[in-house]
């Protein structure tokens, strides 16, 4: 799956999360907290591809990306539920270095990156390549569908947008 599809999936997942869970009663706070969560979800949707040096995020962090790729390969450790858990534990500690209003914004952003990360794994889980669900016990890749990243990305992108619109429309 390419970064554009993951990006749309992350943004839609962020919008769904913001729509489903009230982030604040105050309208001005709601805008800021929603923006932080959706931005986080966008960025989080790209993080698993840090293991691919030619990915959008891999090009931004070349040394780290090449090291992860050489050690674990693409769709290796960064595409596992285990790494998602480790990442979640670490990223949710980030807000603790801030205080007050900024801490709250960073909390929403951090939570958003987790939501985006999950969207990435789900999208890869429906492709032919799948993800290594049982890593490190097994490196076997599992999938629940056989979409091809190159030929079905418009269908997947459209589905993400339609699902987001349905949830928004029914959540009023």
Protein backbone atom coordinates (compact mmCIF):
# COMPACT_ATOMS: atom_id res chain seq x y z
CA UNK A 1 0.00 0.00 0.00
CA UNK A 2 1.41 3.40 -0.84
CA UNK A 3 1.74 6.35 1.52
CA UNK A 4 -1.14 8.20 -0.12
CA UNK A 5 -3.59 5.43 0.74
CA UNK A 6 -2.21 5.13 4.28
CA UNK A 7 -2.41 8.91 4.66
CA UNK A 8 -6.08 8.97 3.65
CA UNK A 9 -6.77 5.99 5.92
CA UNK A 10 -5.05 7.76 8.83
CA UNK A 11 -6.91 11.01 8.31
CA UNK A 12 -10.26 9.20 7.99
CA UNK A 13 -9.53 7.17 11.12
CA UNK A 14 -8.68 10.39 12.96
CA UNK A 15 -11.91 12.01 11.80
CA UNK A 16 -13.90 8.94 12.84
CA UNK A 17 -12.26 9.02 16.28
CA UNK A 18 -12.92 12.74 16.75
CA UNK A 19 -16.52 12.32 15.60
CA UNK A 20 -17.18 9.27 17.76
CA UNK A 21 -15.63 10.55 20.97
CA UNK A 22 -16.37 14.10 22.08
CA UNK A 23 -12.97 15.72 22.57
CA UNK A 24 -14.22 18.81 24.39
CA UNK A 25 -17.39 20.77 25.07
CA UNK A 26 -15.71 24.12 24.35
CA UNK A 27 -15.81 24.77 20.56
CA UNK A 28 -12.40 26.46 20.40
CA UNK A 29 -10.77 23.64 22.38
CA UNK A 30 -12.56 21.07 20.25
CA UNK A 31 -10.99 22.51 17.09
CA UNK A 32 -7.47 22.47 18.56
CA UNK A 33 -7.78 19.00 20.13
CA UNK A 34 -9.41 17.57 16.99
CA UNK A 35 -6.67 19.03 14.80
CA UNK A 36 -3.99 17.56 17.09
CA UNK A 37 -5.60 14.12 16.99
CA UNK A 38 -6.14 14.14 13.21
CA UNK A 39 -2.59 15.40 12.57
CA UNK A 40 -1.30 12.68 14.88
CA UNK A 41 -3.36 10.09 13.05
CA UNK A 42 -1.95 11.25 9.72
CA UNK A 43 1.63 10.98 10.99
CA UNK A 44 0.94 7.71 12.80
CA UNK A 45 -0.39 6.17 9.60
CA UNK A 46 3.06 6.57 8.05
CA UNK A 47 5.20 5.36 10.98
CA UNK A 48 5.07 1.59 10.29
CA UNK A 49 6.74 2.19 6.92
CA UNK A 50 9.80 3.51 8.71
CA UNK A 51 11.15 0.03 7.88
CA UNK A 52 11.23 0.90 4.17
CA UNK A 53 14.02 3.34 3.22
CA UNK A 54 12.17 4.51 0.08
CA UNK A 55 8.92 5.25 1.92
CA UNK A 56 7.94 8.85 2.62
CA UNK A 57 8.91 8.58 6.29
CA UNK A 58 11.90 6.34 5.51
CA UNK A 59 13.39 9.08 3.35
CA UNK A 60 13.02 11.57 6.23
CA UNK A 61 14.84 9.27 8.69
CA UNK A 62 17.27 7.50 6.34
CA UNK A 63 19.76 6.12 8.85
CA UNK A 64 17.07 4.74 11.18
CA UNK A 65 15.05 3.39 8.25
CA UNK A 66 18.01 1.60 6.69
CA UNK A 67 18.94 0.08 10.05
CA UNK A 68 15.42 -1.23 10.70
CA UNK A 69 15.14 -2.52 7.13
CA UNK A 70 18.49 -4.30 7.26
CA UNK A 71 17.66 -5.93 10.59
CA UNK A 72 13.97 -6.78 10.14
CA UNK A 73 13.04 -6.13 6.49
CA UNK A 74 9.90 -4.42 5.19
CA UNK A 75 6.65 -5.44 6.90
CA UNK A 76 8.74 -6.87 9.68
CA UNK A 77 8.73 -5.70 13.29
CA UNK A 78 7.16 -2.27 12.67
CA UNK A 79 4.11 -3.97 11.15
CA UNK A 80 3.33 -6.10 14.21
CA UNK A 81 0.82 -5.76 17.04
CA UNK A 82 3.73 -6.24 19.46
CA UNK A 83 5.54 -3.17 18.12
CA UNK A 84 2.26 -1.23 18.16
CA UNK A 85 1.96 -1.99 21.88
CA UNK A 86 5.57 -0.96 22.55
CA UNK A 87 5.13 2.20 20.48
CA UNK A 88 1.87 3.03 22.30
CA UNK A 89 3.45 2.67 25.73
CA UNK A 90 6.34 4.92 24.73
CA UNK A 91 4.35 7.61 22.89
CA UNK A 92 1.77 7.94 25.67
CA UNK A 93 4.59 8.92 28.03
CA UNK A 94 5.48 11.88 25.79
CA UNK A 95 2.81 14.24 27.21
CA UNK A 96 4.33 13.85 30.69
CA UNK A 97 7.17 16.20 29.77
CA UNK A 98 4.67 19.02 29.16
CA UNK A 99 2.23 20.85 31.40
CA UNK A 100 -1.17 22.49 31.17
CA UNK A 101 -2.84 23.12 27.83
CA UNK A 102 0.20 21.96 25.82
CA UNK A 103 0.15 18.63 27.67
CA UNK A 104 -3.48 18.10 26.63
CA UNK A 105 -2.69 18.90 23.00
CA UNK A 106 0.27 16.49 23.04
CA UNK A 107 -1.99 13.82 24.61
CA UNK A 108 -4.44 14.12 21.70
CA UNK A 109 -1.60 14.14 19.18
CA UNK A 110 0.03 11.07 20.77
CA UNK A 111 -3.27 9.21 20.87
CA UNK A 112 -3.79 10.19 17.23
CA UNK A 113 -0.47 8.63 16.21
CA UNK A 114 -1.62 5.36 17.77
CA UNK A 115 -4.93 5.53 15.90
CA UNK A 116 -3.06 6.21 12.64
CA UNK A 117 -0.65 3.36 13.32
CA UNK A 118 -3.60 1.01 13.82
CA UNK A 119 -5.15 2.19 10.54
CA UNK A 120 -1.88 1.37 8.75
CA UNK A 121 -1.81 -2.15 10.15
CA UNK A 122 -5.47 -2.72 9.26
CA UNK A 123 -4.94 -1.50 5.70
CA UNK A 124 -1.89 -3.74 5.26
CA UNK A 125 -3.83 -6.61 6.85
CA UNK A 126 -6.29 -6.54 3.93
CA UNK A 127 -3.57 -6.70 1.25
CA UNK A 128 -1.94 -9.74 -0.31
CA UNK A 129 1.26 -9.07 1.67
CA UNK A 130 -0.50 -9.11 5.05
CA UNK A 131 1.24 -8.47 8.36
CA UNK A 132 3.19 -10.70 10.78
CA UNK A 133 0.51 -10.94 13.49
CA UNK A 134 2.36 -13.43 15.69
CA UNK A 135 5.83 -11.90 15.48
CA UNK A 136 8.29 -12.79 17.13
CA UNK A 137 6.78 -16.28 17.58
CA UNK A 138 6.23 -16.56 13.83
CA UNK A 139 7.23 -14.35 10.93
CA UNK A 140 4.35 -15.68 8.83
CA UNK A 141 2.19 -12.93 7.35
CA UNK A 142 -1.58 -13.10 7.83
CA UNK A 143 -4.26 -11.30 5.83
CA UNK A 144 -8.04 -11.11 5.79
CA UNK A 145 -8.39 -10.06 2.14
CA UNK A 146 -6.35 -10.07 -1.03
CA UNK A 147 -6.35 -6.47 -2.19
CA UNK A 148 -3.34 -5.51 -4.25
CA UNK A 149 -1.75 -2.25 -3.22
CA UNK A 150 -1.12 -1.10 -6.75
CA UNK A 151 -4.41 -2.00 -8.40
CA UNK A 152 -6.93 -1.58 -5.58
CA UNK A 153 -5.72 1.58 -3.85
CA UNK A 154 -8.57 3.69 -5.26
CA UNK A 155 -11.14 1.20 -3.98
CA UNK A 156 -9.53 1.12 -0.53
CA UNK A 157 -9.24 4.91 -0.41
CA UNK A 158 -12.87 5.28 -1.46
CA UNK A 159 -13.99 2.79 1.20
CA UNK A 160 -12.09 4.70 3.90
CA UNK A 161 -13.78 7.93 2.90
CA UNK A 162 -17.26 6.36 2.63
CA UNK A 163 -16.93 4.68 6.04
CA UNK A 164 -15.79 7.99 7.58
CA UNK A 165 -18.75 9.84 6.00
CA UNK A 166 -21.25 7.21 7.19
CA UNK A 167 -19.94 7.39 10.75
CA UNK A 168 -19.98 11.19 10.70
CA UNK A 169 -23.54 11.26 9.33
CA UNK A 170 -24.88 8.73 11.82
CA UNK A 171 -23.11 10.20 14.82
CA UNK A 172 -25.06 13.47 15.04
